[in-house]
Protein backbone atom coordinates (compact mmCIF):
# COMPACT_ATOMS: atom_id res chain seq x y z
CA MET A 1 -7.12 -20.69 -1.74
CA LYS A 2 -9.50 -18.29 -0.77
CA HIS A 3 -9.15 -14.61 -0.52
CA ALA A 4 -10.25 -12.28 1.97
CA PRO A 5 -12.12 -9.40 0.30
CA GLN A 6 -10.83 -5.93 0.55
CA LEU A 7 -11.60 -3.14 3.04
CA LYS A 8 -14.37 -0.58 2.06
CA ILE A 9 -13.93 2.68 3.83
CA PRO A 10 -15.62 6.13 3.53
CA ALA A 11 -13.48 8.39 1.71
CA THR A 12 -13.96 11.70 -0.27
CA TYR A 13 -11.18 12.85 -2.93
CA MET A 14 -10.67 16.37 -2.48
CA ARG A 15 -8.91 19.46 -4.18
CA GLY A 16 -7.79 22.03 -1.73
CA GLY A 17 -5.65 24.76 -3.43
CA THR A 18 -3.04 23.52 -5.59
CA SER A 19 -3.16 20.11 -4.15
CA LYS A 20 -5.74 17.04 -3.51
CA GLY A 21 -5.56 13.95 -1.05
CA VAL A 22 -7.83 11.68 0.41
CA PHE A 23 -9.90 12.71 3.28
CA PHE A 24 -11.15 10.51 6.55
CA THR A 25 -13.56 11.29 9.09
CA LEU A 26 -11.81 9.47 11.84
CA ASP A 27 -14.71 7.46 13.46
CA ASP A 28 -14.96 5.92 9.54
CA LEU A 29 -11.52 4.77 9.63
CA PRO A 30 -10.87 0.82 10.86
CA LEU A 31 -11.09 0.68 14.60
CA ALA A 32 -6.79 0.06 14.38
CA ALA A 33 -6.18 2.74 12.26
CA GLN A 34 -7.97 5.50 14.77
CA THR A 35 -5.18 5.77 16.71
CA PRO A 36 -1.60 6.82 15.51
CA GLY A 37 0.90 4.22 14.74
CA ASP A 38 2.18 1.48 12.18
CA MET A 39 -1.54 0.28 11.64
CA ARG A 40 -2.47 3.45 10.51
CA ASP A 41 0.22 4.71 8.78
CA HIS A 42 0.49 1.02 7.27
CA LEU A 43 -3.30 1.63 5.98
CA LEU A 44 -2.78 5.17 4.28
CA LEU A 45 0.13 4.08 2.61
CA ARG A 46 -1.60 1.27 0.91
CA ILE A 47 -4.63 3.32 0.19
CA ILE A 48 -2.32 6.17 -1.64
CA GLY A 49 0.02 3.18 -3.27
CA SER A 50 3.29 3.37 -1.61
CA PRO A 51 6.18 2.82 -1.29
CA ASP A 52 6.16 2.30 -5.25
CA PRO A 53 9.67 1.77 -6.37
CA TYR A 54 8.84 2.90 -9.84
CA GLY A 55 7.41 6.42 -8.25
CA LYS A 56 3.96 6.46 -10.01
CA GLN A 57 1.56 5.11 -7.24
CA THR A 58 -0.04 3.37 -10.08
CA ASP A 59 -1.61 0.95 -7.41
CA GLY A 60 -3.21 3.66 -5.53
CA MET A 61 -5.17 6.97 -4.92
CA GLY A 62 -1.63 8.93 -5.18
CA GLY A 63 -0.97 10.99 -8.43
CA ALA A 64 2.84 10.31 -7.72
CA THR A 65 3.63 13.93 -6.87
CA SER A 66 4.13 15.71 -3.34
CA SER A 67 1.10 17.59 -4.06
CA THR A 68 -0.75 14.46 -4.75
CA SER A 69 0.26 12.12 -2.05
CA LYS A 70 -1.64 13.30 0.83
CA VAL A 71 -4.05 12.14 3.47
CA VAL A 72 -6.29 14.11 5.93
CA ILE A 73 -7.97 12.51 8.78
CA VAL A 74 -11.34 15.12 10.53
CA SER A 75 -13.31 14.55 13.38
CA LYS A 76 -15.10 16.64 15.62
CA SER A 77 -12.76 18.80 18.06
CA LYS A 78 -11.73 18.19 21.50
CA GLN A 79 -10.52 21.67 22.15
CA ALA A 80 -12.48 24.34 23.50
CA GLU A 81 -13.64 26.84 20.89
CA HIS A 82 -12.92 24.63 18.01
CA ASP A 83 -15.21 22.78 15.81
CA VAL A 84 -12.73 20.17 14.15
CA ASP A 85 -9.33 19.03 14.47
CA TYR A 86 -7.51 18.29 11.28
CA LEU A 87 -5.04 16.14 11.10
CA PHE A 88 -2.50 15.66 7.79
CA GLY A 89 -0.25 13.48 6.57
CA GLN A 90 2.58 13.72 3.71
CA VAL A 91 2.85 9.90 1.96
CA SER A 92 6.17 9.22 1.08
CA ILE A 93 5.73 7.93 -2.75
CA ASP A 94 9.02 5.89 -2.97
CA LYS A 95 9.65 5.05 1.05
CA PRO A 96 7.41 3.33 3.51
CA PHE A 97 6.51 6.02 5.41
CA VAL A 98 4.03 8.89 6.15
CA ASP A 99 5.57 12.07 7.31
CA TRP A 100 3.37 13.88 9.94
CA SER A 101 5.23 16.49 11.00
CA GLY A 102 3.65 19.50 9.26
CA ASN A 103 0.89 21.18 8.04
CA CYS A 104 -0.73 21.16 4.48
CA GLY A 105 -1.76 25.15 3.93
CA ASN A 106 -3.59 24.07 0.75
CA LEU A 107 -5.74 21.29 1.76
CA SER A 108 -6.65 23.39 4.77
CA ALA A 109 -8.97 25.18 2.80
CA ALA A 110 -10.69 21.78 1.97
CA VAL A 111 -11.09 20.85 5.26
CA GLY A 112 -13.87 23.18 6.32
CA PRO A 113 -16.09 22.41 3.13
CA PHE A 114 -15.37 18.61 3.93
CA ALA A 115 -16.42 18.94 7.72
CA ILE A 116 -19.73 20.61 6.56
CA ALA A 117 -20.38 18.15 4.28
CA ASN A 118 -19.79 15.48 6.34
CA GLY A 119 -22.38 16.58 9.57
CA LEU A 120 -18.87 17.36 11.94
CA ILE A 121 -20.42 21.28 12.11
CA GLU A 122 -23.58 22.28 14.39
CA GLY A 123 -26.16 23.04 11.88
CA SER A 124 -27.19 26.33 13.50
CA ARG A 125 -23.35 27.56 12.60
CA VAL A 126 -24.34 26.59 8.80
CA PRO A 127 -26.61 29.66 7.06
CA ASP A 128 -28.78 29.15 3.91
CA ASP A 129 -26.99 31.60 2.18
CA GLY A 130 -24.00 33.51 3.11
CA VAL A 131 -20.36 32.40 4.63
CA ALA A 132 -20.02 29.35 7.24
CA VAL A 133 -16.94 30.25 10.01
CA VAL A 134 -15.10 27.04 10.50
CA ARG A 135 -12.92 26.86 13.74
CA ILE A 136 -9.79 24.39 12.87
CA TRP A 137 -7.44 23.01 15.31
CA GLN A 138 -4.45 21.87 13.23
CA ALA A 139 -3.69 18.82 15.36
CA ASN A 140 -0.32 18.38 13.34
CA ILE A 141 1.28 21.86 14.73
CA ALA A 142 -1.16 22.61 17.52
CA LYS A 143 -2.66 25.91 15.62
CA THR A 144 -5.63 27.55 15.10
CA ILE A 145 -6.74 28.07 11.49
CA ILE A 146 -10.21 29.83 10.74
CA ALA A 147 -11.83 29.15 7.30
CA LYS A 148 -14.68 31.00 5.77
CA VAL A 149 -16.45 28.94 3.36
CA PRO A 150 -19.30 29.63 1.35
CA ILE A 151 -22.77 28.70 1.48
CA SER A 152 -25.69 28.52 -0.94
CA ASN A 153 -29.00 26.44 -0.28
CA GLY A 154 -27.61 25.21 2.99
CA GLU A 155 -24.73 23.65 1.24
CA VAL A 156 -20.92 24.50 0.48
CA GLN A 157 -20.77 26.61 -2.74
CA GLU A 158 -17.96 24.89 -4.77
CA THR A 159 -18.74 26.41 -8.06
CA GLY A 160 -17.60 29.75 -8.77
CA ASP A 161 -15.24 32.93 -10.58
CA PHE A 162 -12.20 32.82 -8.07
CA GLU A 163 -9.21 31.92 -10.21
CA LEU A 164 -6.12 30.52 -8.39
CA ASP A 165 -3.10 30.29 -10.37
CA GLY A 166 -1.72 26.20 -10.80
CA VAL A 167 -5.46 25.45 -11.03
CA ALA A 168 -6.55 25.16 -14.26
CA PHE A 169 -10.77 25.67 -13.23
CA PRO A 170 -12.27 28.67 -11.24
CA ALA A 171 -14.24 27.68 -8.23
CA ALA A 172 -15.73 29.38 -5.23
CA GLU A 173 -13.44 31.55 -3.02
CA VAL A 174 -12.60 29.87 0.61
CA GLN A 175 -10.37 32.41 2.73
CA VAL A 176 -8.45 31.26 4.84
CA ALA A 177 -6.50 32.97 8.29
CA PHE A 178 -3.88 31.07 9.87
CA LEU A 179 -3.81 32.82 13.55
CA ASP A 180 -0.33 32.60 15.49
CA PRO A 181 1.07 30.78 12.79
CA ALA A 182 4.65 29.58 14.01
CA ALA A 183 4.28 25.86 14.26
CA GLY A 184 5.15 24.52 17.48
CA ASP A 185 6.53 25.97 20.71
CA GLY A 186 9.44 27.00 19.59
CA ALA A 187 10.90 30.44 18.61
CA MET A 188 10.14 31.77 15.37
CA PHE A 189 13.44 32.18 14.06
CA PRO A 190 15.09 29.10 16.14
CA THR A 191 18.73 30.58 15.91
CA GLY A 192 17.12 33.83 16.88
CA GLN A 193 18.76 35.87 13.66
CA LEU A 194 17.01 37.58 10.93
CA VAL A 195 19.67 35.89 8.30
CA ASP A 196 22.07 33.14 9.31
CA GLU A 197 25.30 31.83 7.67
CA LEU A 198 24.26 28.61 6.78
CA GLU A 199 27.77 26.60 6.25
CA VAL A 200 27.03 23.42 4.04
CA PRO A 201 30.42 21.22 3.71
CA GLY A 202 31.02 20.90 -0.24
CA ILE A 203 28.73 23.93 -0.87
CA GLY A 204 30.01 26.65 1.15
CA SER A 205 28.44 29.43 3.43
CA LEU A 206 24.92 30.47 2.30
CA LYS A 207 22.87 33.66 3.85
CA ALA A 208 19.60 31.93 4.98
CA THR A 209 16.32 33.10 6.72
CA LEU A 210 15.43 30.20 8.83
CA ILE A 211 11.95 31.11 10.14
CA ASN A 212 9.45 28.50 11.82
CA ALA A 213 5.79 30.07 10.32
CA GLY A 214 3.30 28.34 8.52
CA ILE A 215 5.53 25.68 7.99
CA PRO A 216 9.76 25.03 9.06
CA THR A 217 11.28 27.03 5.97
CA ILE A 218 14.94 27.66 4.82
CA PHE A 219 15.00 30.71 2.41
CA LEU A 220 18.26 31.18 0.71
CA ASP A 221 19.14 34.12 -1.85
CA ALA A 222 18.56 33.11 -5.42
CA ASP A 223 21.63 34.78 -6.93
CA GLN A 224 23.89 33.07 -4.33
CA ILE A 225 23.16 29.51 -5.34
CA GLY A 226 23.25 30.25 -9.00
CA TYR A 227 19.66 30.95 -9.68
CA LEU A 228 17.38 33.44 -11.11
CA GLY A 229 14.47 33.03 -9.16
CA THR A 230 12.01 32.62 -12.45
CA GLU A 231 12.94 28.71 -12.89
CA LEU A 232 10.09 25.96 -13.90
CA GLN A 233 9.86 22.73 -12.35
CA GLY A 234 12.05 21.35 -15.58
CA ASP A 235 15.03 23.60 -14.91
CA ILE A 236 15.35 22.08 -11.66
CA ASN A 237 13.62 18.11 -11.43
CA SER A 238 15.68 17.41 -14.25
CA ASP A 239 18.86 17.68 -12.47
CA PRO A 240 20.00 15.31 -10.19
CA ARG A 241 22.89 17.25 -9.15
CA ALA A 242 20.33 19.94 -8.46
CA LEU A 243 18.17 18.25 -6.42
CA GLU A 244 20.86 16.66 -4.18
CA ARG A 245 22.31 20.06 -3.86
CA PHE A 246 19.23 21.19 -2.40
CA GLU A 247 18.88 17.96 -0.17
CA THR A 248 21.90 18.36 1.39
CA ILE A 249 20.83 21.95 2.16
CA ARG A 250 18.02 20.91 3.60
CA ALA A 251 19.78 18.53 5.55
CA HIS A 252 22.00 20.90 7.64
CA GLY A 253 19.11 23.68 7.94
CA ALA A 254 17.09 21.47 9.69
CA VAL A 255 19.91 20.55 11.70
CA LYS A 256 20.51 24.04 12.66
CA MET A 257 16.91 24.77 12.91
CA GLY A 258 17.30 21.88 15.54
CA LEU A 259 14.39 19.98 13.90
CA ILE A 260 16.73 16.89 13.85
CA LYS A 261 20.10 16.10 15.46
CA SER A 262 22.08 14.96 12.88
CA ILE A 263 21.94 15.13 9.11
CA ASP A 264 21.35 11.06 8.82
CA GLU A 265 17.91 11.56 9.90
CA ALA A 266 16.68 14.32 7.56
CA ALA A 267 15.63 10.69 5.37
CA THR A 268 13.14 10.31 7.42
CA ARG A 269 11.88 13.71 7.93
CA GLN A 270 10.84 14.65 4.05
CA HIS A 271 8.15 16.90 5.03
CA THR A 272 9.95 19.63 6.81
CA PRO A 273 11.71 22.04 6.82
CA LYS A 274 11.05 23.20 2.69
CA VAL A 275 13.65 25.08 1.21
CA ALA A 276 12.99 28.12 -0.92
CA PHE A 277 14.85 30.91 -3.07
CA VAL A 278 14.07 34.14 -3.50
CA ALA A 279 14.81 37.29 -5.63
CA LYS A 280 13.27 40.47 -6.58
CA ALA A 281 10.73 40.72 -9.01
CA GLN A 282 11.24 40.33 -12.71
CA SER A 283 8.85 39.19 -15.84
CA TYR A 284 8.80 36.11 -16.62
CA ALA A 285 6.63 33.01 -18.69
CA ALA A 286 4.44 30.81 -16.03
CA SER A 287 4.56 27.22 -16.67
CA SER A 288 0.87 27.79 -18.14
CA GLY A 289 2.59 30.04 -20.40
CA LYS A 290 0.94 32.85 -18.58
CA GLN A 291 3.16 36.11 -18.81
CA VAL A 292 4.15 37.52 -15.04
CA SER A 293 4.67 40.97 -15.45
CA VAL A 294 7.35 42.75 -13.07
CA ASP A 295 4.66 45.51 -12.24
CA ASP A 296 2.23 42.44 -11.04
CA ILE A 297 4.32 41.24 -8.44
CA ASP A 298 6.79 42.27 -5.14
CA LEU A 299 9.27 39.27 -5.79
CA VAL A 300 9.54 35.69 -7.17
CA VAL A 301 9.70 32.76 -5.07
CA ARG A 302 10.33 29.02 -6.02
CA ALA A 303 10.34 26.02 -3.46
CA MET A 304 11.25 22.72 -3.20
CA SER A 305 8.50 19.80 -1.55
CA MET A 306 9.87 16.66 -1.12
CA GLY A 307 12.68 16.53 -3.31
CA GLN A 308 11.41 18.16 -5.93
CA LEU A 309 10.86 22.14 -7.00
CA HIS A 310 6.89 22.65 -6.55
CA HIS A 311 4.62 23.63 -9.57
CA ALA A 312 3.15 26.21 -7.82
CA MET A 313 3.26 27.21 -4.10
CA MET A 314 2.80 24.81 -0.79
CA GLY A 315 0.19 26.58 1.46
CA THR A 316 2.26 26.23 4.33
CA ALA A 317 5.31 27.71 2.74
CA ALA A 318 3.04 31.14 1.30
CA VAL A 319 2.35 31.19 5.24
CA ALA A 320 5.81 31.11 6.08
CA ILE A 321 6.44 33.86 2.88
CA SER A 322 3.98 36.27 4.06
CA VAL A 323 5.09 36.46 7.87
CA ALA A 324 8.83 36.39 6.48
CA SER A 325 7.74 39.46 4.14
CA ALA A 326 6.72 41.29 7.50
CA ILE A 327 9.43 41.38 8.97
CA PRO A 328 12.07 43.98 7.87
CA GLY A 329 15.68 42.56 7.11
CA THR A 330 14.87 39.18 6.24
CA LEU A 331 15.87 37.70 3.06
CA VAL A 332 11.74 37.85 1.64
CA ASN A 333 11.18 41.36 2.87
CA LEU A 334 14.53 42.52 1.47
CA ALA A 335 13.80 40.90 -2.26
CA ALA A 336 10.27 42.40 -1.84
CA GLY A 337 12.17 45.89 -1.44
CA GLY A 338 11.99 45.93 2.48
CA GLY A 339 10.38 47.79 4.94
CA GLU A 340 7.06 47.46 6.51
CA ARG A 341 4.67 45.38 4.88
CA SER A 342 1.07 43.85 5.71
CA SER A 343 0.95 42.27 2.22
CA VAL A 344 3.14 40.70 -0.61
CA ARG A 345 2.44 39.26 -4.15
CA PHE A 346 4.75 36.90 -5.03
CA GLY A 347 5.42 34.92 -8.51
CA HIS A 348 5.90 31.61 -8.57
CA PRO A 349 6.26 28.62 -11.52
CA SER A 350 2.28 28.63 -11.75
CA GLY A 351 1.68 32.63 -11.49
CA THR A 352 1.20 34.53 -8.69
CA LEU A 353 -0.22 34.88 -5.12
CA LYS A 354 -1.21 37.50 -2.94
CA VAL A 355 -1.07 36.52 0.84
CA GLY A 356 -1.22 38.96 4.32
CA GLY A 357 1.02 38.83 6.96
CA LYS A 358 1.08 40.60 10.55
CA ALA A 359 4.30 40.03 12.73
CA SER A 360 5.21 41.65 16.21
CA PHE A 361 8.23 42.49 18.03
CA VAL A 362 7.68 41.83 21.91
CA GLU A 363 10.03 41.03 24.55
CA GLY A 364 12.92 40.55 22.32
CA ARG A 365 11.75 38.61 19.77
CA TRP A 366 9.56 38.59 16.85
CA ILE A 367 5.97 37.18 17.21
CA ALA A 368 3.89 35.92 13.93
CA GLU A 369 0.36 37.26 14.41
CA LYS A 370 -1.59 36.02 11.60
CA ALA A 371 -1.45 35.04 7.94
CA THR A 372 -3.84 35.12 5.53
CA MET A 373 -4.71 33.91 1.92
CA SER A 374 -7.75 32.78 -0.35
CA ARG A 375 -7.85 29.51 -1.54
CA SER A 376 -10.83 27.04 -3.61
CA ALA A 377 -11.69 23.44 -3.15
CA ARG A 378 -13.80 20.91 -4.38
CA VAL A 379 -14.90 17.33 -3.99
CA LEU A 380 -13.72 15.46 -7.07
CA MET A 381 -14.94 12.50 -6.07
CA ASP A 382 -16.80 10.75 -2.44
CA GLY A 383 -17.98 6.80 -2.02
CA TRP A 384 -15.63 4.51 -0.79
CA VAL A 385 -11.83 3.69 -0.96
CA ARG A 386 -10.84 0.14 -0.82
CA ALA A 387 -7.63 -1.09 0.25
CA PRO A 388 -6.46 -5.09 0.74
CA SER A 389 -7.42 -6.69 3.69
CA GLY A 390 -4.67 -7.24 6.20
CA VAL A 391 -2.82 -4.07 5.33
């Protein structure tokens, strides 16, 4: 019996921030996968190696973690005053679906470099030496991202001395600004409250800040759920009961935020909302062994992603942290000491991160104006990715 050869699709494997994923230009995808739908999802699932009942993604490009099971599709922008459209897919590891409901803040830092390297930016916009400003339309949440990409000898500069906790090696710094980062068109605080009482059957009533900035996020008080806020991955991910508890909280929070209508729908929306817990600044040892001093941070934050404690901090959750910290009275702001602030440095499992946030109170509600942070990005491999014909 003869078998058809594999599909051969141009692709780039990139790290952006503390995540990595497979990047495609839209026109390089097979015609049937150039539009949203089952054909596209089936192809991307097979490329990443999902669904994998073993949880390893051995037969694909995925790395068996939420941070490494990602895809990005980039094209010339259809939006005025933007350079490229950026679509992000969070690929489930053990289930057959791709979640398109939110952005990846970490991989946002790699979109500009990818676009420049693949000729999607007008040559006149790229200096021989200096910084190229790339205007990105984030198609998942219909928002603008501005990336400042370092350029050397007319090409993207990838090497440098910028260090990012959660990434082992230094690289060139990419500055990223998320404009009007409240996801979608709804209110930044869906319930209208800075702090809600979230009723979770079997767990109780929890104080929660439910915010829609960067990505829909449920912030909890670490002490109220029995944690210090300095936990590392093994402390949470090795405890099935803890993971189940967080998922239950996430599902009920999603309903309260209006993201889903029933608890059962949470299983098909794994990427959003995120759940994070905060506490006042304290010293601890990061996962690398690095000592984080209480004097170097304003608060500690831990966040769940795709059912597991994240090894560092998702970029979109960092946006939520930056905006929430700028609004007096949220749990994030209170953990950081309260009051007005334009930036915050928080401790996460891999170290620390400084983010900037600006919000204003307009006509009776809070509006997120901008969130900023620095990341780095690097091409790990480019060429072609293969997938069996027929997927």
